Protein backbone atom coordinates (compact mmCIF):
# COMPACT_ATOMS: atom_id res chain seq x y z
CA MET A 1 198.48 -9.82 54.74
CA ALA A 2 196.64 -13.44 55.14
CA GLY A 3 193.26 -12.20 56.40
CA LEU A 4 190.67 -9.71 58.56
CA LEU A 5 188.04 -9.13 60.78
CA GLY A 6 184.54 -8.33 60.04
CA ARG A 7 181.04 -8.37 60.93
CA LYS A 8 178.38 -11.31 59.29
CA LEU A 9 175.43 -8.71 58.06
CA GLY A 10 173.29 -11.40 56.34
CA MET A 11 172.27 -12.93 53.04
CA THR A 12 171.19 -11.73 49.58
CA GLN A 13 171.33 -12.34 46.31
CA VAL A 14 173.06 -10.47 43.71
CA PHE A 15 173.28 -10.68 40.01
CA ASP A 16 176.39 -11.32 37.84
CA PRO A 17 176.95 -7.68 35.50
CA GLU A 18 178.62 -10.38 32.19
CA ASP A 19 175.80 -12.59 31.92
CA GLY A 20 172.75 -12.05 34.30
CA HIS A 21 173.15 -15.14 36.96
CA VAL A 22 172.36 -14.62 40.30
CA GLU A 23 174.80 -15.42 42.98
CA ARG A 24 173.90 -16.32 46.51
CA VAL A 25 175.95 -14.16 49.30
CA THR A 26 176.33 -13.46 52.41
CA VAL A 27 177.27 -9.58 52.96
CA VAL A 28 180.31 -9.29 55.62
CA GLU A 29 181.69 -5.94 56.35
CA ALA A 30 185.24 -6.32 56.97
CA GLY A 31 187.46 -3.65 58.52
CA PRO A 32 188.90 -1.44 58.95
CA CYS A 33 191.29 -3.09 61.45
CA PHE A 34 193.56 -1.65 63.46
CA VAL A 35 197.23 -2.84 64.06
CA THR A 36 197.90 -3.61 67.54
CA ALA A 37 200.74 -5.49 68.22
CA LYS A 38 203.28 -7.50 66.37
CA ARG A 39 205.01 -10.71 67.24
CA THR A 40 208.41 -11.67 65.54
CA ALA A 41 210.48 -15.35 65.02
CA GLU A 42 213.53 -13.44 67.00
CA ARG A 43 211.27 -12.42 69.92
CA ASP A 44 208.10 -14.62 70.02
CA GLY A 45 208.83 -17.46 68.28
CA TYR A 46 206.83 -16.86 65.50
CA ASP A 47 205.43 -14.09 62.56
CA ALA A 48 202.06 -12.74 63.44
CA VAL A 49 200.26 -9.25 63.69
CA GLN A 50 197.56 -8.50 66.07
CA LEU A 51 194.31 -7.07 64.62
CA ALA A 52 191.62 -5.14 66.60
CA TYR A 53 187.94 -4.78 65.28
CA GLY A 54 184.47 -4.05 66.55
CA ASP A 55 183.39 -0.62 68.06
CA ILE A 56 182.87 -0.62 71.90
CA ARG A 57 182.19 1.85 74.73
CA GLU A 58 185.46 2.60 76.67
CA LYS A 59 183.96 1.89 79.61
CA ARG A 60 183.09 -1.57 78.78
CA LEU A 61 186.74 -2.36 78.74
CA SER A 62 189.44 -2.74 81.23
CA LYS A 63 192.47 -0.45 82.21
CA ALA A 64 195.02 -3.11 80.60
CA GLU A 65 193.11 -3.48 77.36
CA ARG A 66 192.86 0.51 77.30
CA GLY A 67 196.35 1.17 77.86
CA HIS A 68 197.46 -1.83 74.75
CA LEU A 69 195.05 -0.03 71.95
CA ALA A 70 196.32 3.43 73.26
CA LYS A 71 199.66 2.43 72.42
CA ALA A 72 198.72 1.57 68.62
CA ASP A 73 196.89 5.19 69.09
CA ALA A 74 193.93 2.77 68.01
CA PRO A 75 190.06 3.83 69.23
CA ALA A 76 188.37 1.55 71.76
CA LEU A 77 187.58 -1.84 69.97
CA ARG A 78 186.22 -5.06 71.21
CA ARG A 79 188.16 -8.26 69.77
CA LEU A 80 191.68 -8.47 69.05
CA VAL A 81 192.73 -11.24 66.86
CA GLU A 82 195.93 -12.81 65.76
CA PHE A 83 196.84 -13.46 62.15
CA ARG A 84 199.95 -15.62 61.72
CA ASP A 85 202.78 -15.58 58.89
CA SER A 86 201.55 -12.29 57.14
CA GLY A 87 201.56 -8.56 57.86
CA ALA A 88 205.58 -8.42 57.62
CA GLU A 89 204.36 -4.78 55.75
CA LEU A 90 203.02 -3.50 58.33
CA GLU A 91 203.49 -1.61 61.40
CA ILE A 92 201.75 -1.04 64.84
CA GLY A 93 198.94 1.60 64.16
CA ASN A 94 198.45 1.04 60.79
CA GLU A 95 194.87 0.67 59.59
CA VAL A 96 194.15 -2.14 57.30
CA LYS A 97 190.90 -2.24 55.05
CA VAL A 98 189.12 -4.80 53.03
CA ALA A 99 190.74 -3.80 49.60
CA ASP A 100 194.53 -4.36 51.17
CA VAL A 101 194.07 -8.26 51.62
CA PHE A 102 191.30 -9.55 49.06
CA GLU A 103 190.40 -9.12 45.51
CA LYS A 104 187.51 -10.55 43.56
CA GLY A 105 187.75 -14.26 42.40
CA GLN A 106 190.14 -15.47 45.61
CA THR A 107 188.83 -18.32 47.94
CA VAL A 108 188.56 -17.64 51.65
CA LYS A 109 187.92 -19.51 54.98
CA VAL A 110 185.70 -18.14 57.44
CA SER A 111 185.62 -18.73 60.87
CA GLY A 112 182.92 -17.76 63.49
CA VAL A 113 180.71 -18.98 66.61
CA SER A 114 177.90 -20.86 65.29
CA LYS A 115 174.26 -20.32 66.32
CA GLY A 116 173.40 -21.79 70.12
CA LYS A 117 170.19 -23.53 69.82
CA GLY A 118 170.35 -24.76 73.48
CA PHE A 119 169.80 -27.95 74.95
CA GLN A 120 168.73 -30.72 72.38
CA GLY A 121 167.81 -34.24 72.43
CA THR A 122 169.68 -36.65 70.42
CA VAL A 123 166.94 -36.49 67.25
CA LYS A 124 167.57 -32.63 66.48
CA ARG A 125 171.15 -32.81 67.81
CA HIS A 126 172.92 -35.80 65.77
CA GLY A 127 169.86 -37.13 63.52
CA PHE A 128 168.85 -40.15 65.05
CA ALA A 129 165.78 -41.52 63.84
CA ARG A 130 162.01 -41.62 66.05
CA GLY A 131 160.75 -44.45 67.94
CA PRO A 132 157.82 -46.22 66.38
CA VAL A 133 154.63 -44.28 67.42
CA THR A 134 151.78 -47.35 67.67
CA HIS A 135 151.24 -50.62 69.53
CA GLY A 136 151.62 -48.99 73.20
CA SER A 137 155.02 -47.65 72.40
CA HIS A 138 156.22 -44.74 74.57
CA ASN A 139 159.51 -44.26 72.95
CA VAL A 140 158.71 -41.33 70.66
CA ARG A 141 161.98 -39.67 70.58
CA ALA A 142 163.72 -40.82 73.30
CA PRO A 143 167.40 -42.09 72.84
CA GLY A 144 167.35 -45.75 73.82
CA SER A 145 169.75 -47.72 76.06
CA ILE A 146 172.83 -46.59 76.55
CA GLY A 147 173.91 -49.30 79.10
CA GLN A 148 176.21 -52.03 78.85
CA ALA A 149 175.93 -55.26 80.14
CA ALA A 150 178.06 -56.96 83.40
CA THR A 151 181.33 -56.24 80.96
CA PRO A 152 182.21 -54.05 80.87
CA SER A 153 179.67 -52.10 83.15
CA ARG A 154 180.07 -48.85 82.00
CA VAL A 155 179.14 -46.15 79.35
CA PHE A 156 181.77 -45.65 77.11
CA LYS A 157 182.98 -41.90 76.28
CA GLY A 158 182.13 -40.65 73.15
CA ILE A 159 178.38 -41.71 73.28
CA ARG A 160 175.98 -39.32 71.02
CA GLY A 161 173.60 -37.81 73.84
CA PRO A 162 171.55 -35.02 74.30
CA GLY A 163 173.34 -31.70 75.11
CA GLN A 164 174.17 -28.31 73.86
CA MET A 165 173.80 -27.66 70.36
CA GLY A 166 175.86 -24.99 68.51
CA ASN A 167 177.59 -22.12 70.13
CA LYS A 168 180.77 -23.50 69.07
CA ARG A 169 183.75 -22.41 66.77
CA ARG A 170 183.59 -23.66 63.25
CA THR A 171 185.07 -22.90 59.70
CA GLN A 172 183.66 -22.97 56.42
CA LYS A 173 186.48 -23.00 53.79
CA GLY A 174 186.08 -22.41 50.26
CA LEU A 175 184.21 -19.51 49.68
CA GLU A 176 184.86 -17.55 46.64
CA VAL A 177 185.09 -13.59 46.66
CA VAL A 178 182.33 -12.28 44.46
CA ASP A 179 182.70 -9.05 45.35
CA VAL A 180 184.76 -6.26 47.03
CA ARG A 181 182.70 -3.34 47.78
CA ALA A 182 186.06 -1.04 48.87
CA ASP A 183 183.95 1.97 49.65
CA GLU A 184 181.20 0.39 51.88
CA ASN A 185 184.18 -1.94 53.63
CA LEU A 186 181.89 -4.83 52.21
CA LEU A 187 183.11 -8.41 51.36
CA LEU A 188 180.59 -10.27 49.22
CA LEU A 189 181.08 -14.54 50.00
CA ARG A 190 178.93 -17.04 47.95
CA GLY A 191 177.70 -19.42 50.16
CA SER A 192 177.26 -19.03 54.15
CA VAL A 193 179.25 -18.44 56.76
CA PRO A 194 179.15 -19.60 60.31
CA GLY A 195 177.04 -17.64 63.31
CA PRO A 196 174.48 -15.30 63.31
CA LYS A 197 173.71 -11.57 61.90
CA GLY A 198 175.99 -9.46 63.78
CA GLY A 199 178.61 -12.12 64.57
CA ILE A 200 182.23 -11.45 64.21
CA VAL A 201 184.01 -13.43 62.25
CA GLU A 202 187.79 -14.12 60.86
CA ILE A 203 188.12 -13.93 57.38
CA ARG A 204 191.58 -15.69 56.22
CA ILE A 205 192.58 -16.43 52.76
CA ASP A 206 192.54 -20.25 52.17
CA GLY A 207 195.35 -22.16 51.48
CA LYS A 208 197.68 -20.00 53.79
CA ALA A 209 198.76 -20.47 57.98
CA SER A 210 196.32 -19.22 60.14
């Protein structure tokens, strides 16, 4: 199995029992996940396992979603994600826990939806410099001119301007597994993970297809 679904709980620090140095870690509640579907190269053109995670009230699911989970004998779960090229040994209905996938010292990549920061200007969104604030200048945080002259008489696509910031899928690679606490379903990762506290994330072993 090459990955697992989890929930970001927040950041903290732990002390290495061997030499006592401090590790800054993100705590992720990884699993347990249920196998709700399998894809095979013969039938679907690729190999993958679909995992479900995240408790939800059953009435929040559609009838089709409830039926799909019932076939796997799984409880009401909110998020379903496929993990490619993995889980050949798993069967529909199996429960996958954090200790079944990860171990201390592994390198993983974590995908999630970044924090939404709303509509922002160019200074905050793109790091533009501010304009002069003396001699009567009114260009303090304005983006400046974006137009062209008679040729080409249009604004080029891709101009960096104001707009929504954040709330996009992001992947953080190269995170080391500092500790796996199987009894609590916790995964301690060195560094930061995309998304807010409580956000659902996808954790994959780095270097494998996803």
